[in-house]
Protein backbone atom coordinates (compact mmCIF):
# COMPACT_ATOMS: atom_id res chain seq x y z
CA UNK A 1 34.18 85.78 123.75
CA UNK A 2 37.78 86.79 123.22
CA UNK A 3 40.27 86.49 125.99
CA UNK A 4 42.93 89.14 126.20
CA UNK A 5 46.16 88.58 127.97
CA UNK A 6 46.50 90.98 130.82
CA UNK A 7 49.95 92.22 131.81
CA UNK A 8 51.15 90.31 134.80
CA UNK A 9 53.94 91.38 137.05
CA UNK A 10 55.87 88.68 138.83
CA UNK A 11 55.52 88.90 142.59
CA UNK A 12 57.46 86.18 144.40
CA UNK A 13 55.99 84.86 147.62
CA UNK A 14 59.34 85.29 149.30
CA UNK A 15 62.52 86.97 148.26
CA UNK A 16 65.52 84.73 147.73
CA UNK A 17 68.02 87.02 149.47
CA UNK A 18 66.80 86.40 153.05
CA UNK A 19 67.03 82.66 152.39
CA UNK A 20 70.61 82.89 151.15
CA UNK A 21 71.67 85.07 154.05
CA UNK A 22 69.94 82.78 156.55
CA UNK A 23 67.32 85.27 157.73
CA UNK A 24 64.25 83.14 157.07
CA UNK A 25 63.21 79.86 158.61
CA UNK A 26 63.63 77.06 156.12
CA UNK A 27 61.90 73.77 155.67
CA UNK A 28 64.17 70.75 156.04
CA UNK A 29 64.05 69.91 152.34
CA UNK A 30 65.19 73.44 151.47
CA UNK A 31 68.14 73.47 153.88
CA UNK A 32 70.12 70.97 151.79
CA UNK A 33 69.47 72.92 148.61
CA UNK A 34 70.58 76.19 150.21
CA UNK A 35 73.72 74.54 151.62
CA UNK A 36 74.56 73.10 148.19
CA UNK A 37 73.94 76.50 146.59
CA UNK A 38 76.13 78.30 149.15
CA UNK A 39 78.95 75.77 148.88
CA UNK A 40 78.89 75.94 145.10
CA UNK A 41 79.02 79.73 145.05
CA UNK A 42 81.95 79.80 147.47
CA UNK A 43 83.94 77.85 144.89
CA UNK A 44 82.64 79.62 141.76
CA UNK A 45 82.32 83.38 142.39
CA UNK A 46 85.52 85.41 142.04
CA UNK A 47 86.15 89.12 142.54
CA UNK A 48 87.49 89.28 138.99
CA UNK A 49 84.11 88.15 137.55
CA UNK A 50 81.94 90.80 135.94
CA UNK A 51 78.48 91.23 137.47
CA UNK A 52 76.88 89.49 134.49
CA UNK A 53 79.27 86.52 134.67
CA UNK A 54 78.73 86.21 138.43
CA UNK A 55 74.94 86.34 137.99
CA UNK A 56 75.21 83.62 135.33
CA UNK A 57 77.09 81.48 137.88
CA UNK A 58 74.41 82.19 140.51
CA UNK A 59 71.64 81.17 138.11
CA UNK A 60 73.40 77.95 137.10
CA UNK A 61 74.10 77.06 140.72
CA UNK A 62 70.49 77.80 141.73
CA UNK A 63 69.14 75.59 138.95
CA UNK A 64 71.57 72.81 139.83
CA UNK A 65 70.68 73.01 143.53
CA UNK A 66 66.94 73.04 142.86
CA UNK A 67 66.64 70.59 139.95
CA UNK A 68 69.98 68.76 139.80
CA UNK A 69 73.13 69.34 137.77
CA UNK A 70 71.79 67.41 134.80
CA UNK A 71 69.32 70.23 134.05
CA UNK A 72 72.12 72.78 133.72
CA UNK A 73 74.01 70.45 131.36
CA UNK A 74 70.93 69.60 129.27
CA UNK A 75 70.59 70.69 125.68
CA UNK A 76 68.90 74.07 125.53
CA UNK A 77 69.64 74.96 129.14
CA UNK A 78 72.00 77.77 128.14
CA UNK A 79 69.14 79.68 126.49
CA UNK A 80 67.11 79.36 129.70
CA UNK A 81 70.06 80.55 131.80
CA UNK A 82 70.61 83.54 129.51
CA UNK A 83 66.92 84.50 129.71
CA UNK A 84 67.02 84.40 133.51
CA UNK A 85 70.28 86.38 133.61
CA UNK A 86 68.81 89.08 131.35
CA UNK A 87 65.74 89.25 133.57
CA UNK A 88 67.86 89.72 136.69
CA UNK A 89 70.08 92.30 135.01
CA UNK A 90 67.01 94.26 133.86
CA UNK A 91 65.31 94.37 137.28
CA UNK A 92 66.81 96.77 139.83
CA UNK A 93 65.68 94.83 142.90
CA UNK A 94 66.90 91.45 141.63
CA UNK A 95 70.17 92.95 140.42
CA UNK A 96 70.80 94.55 143.85
CA UNK A 97 70.07 91.23 145.57
CA UNK A 98 72.42 89.43 143.19
CA UNK A 99 75.17 91.98 143.86
CA UNK A 100 74.79 91.42 147.62
CA UNK A 101 75.14 87.67 147.06
CA UNK A 102 78.17 88.25 144.81
CA UNK A 103 79.74 90.42 147.49
CA UNK A 104 79.14 87.75 150.12
CA UNK A 105 80.71 84.91 148.14
CA UNK A 106 83.39 86.55 145.96
CA UNK A 107 86.94 85.54 146.80
């Protein structure tokens, strides 16, 4: 019996934008990660950044907040970051959400 791979569309259980903007109830363990993410973006995102550069900063900060800064600095992490950035840039909904986050944090 052969098994064919069926196309699978990613459907997140919850969107990340409401969490960033504080519109969802968070579990205690997630509050610290969101606070770290928000604080990091306040220092990193600038109005002079292109959308792609700002999204790259968002992705790095999200990975650092979720898994620790050592993951972002690990060998091979840049390829992972670039893949995620391309995915966000290619998806209209994710790109719009990223632009809202950029607008919120850009100095």
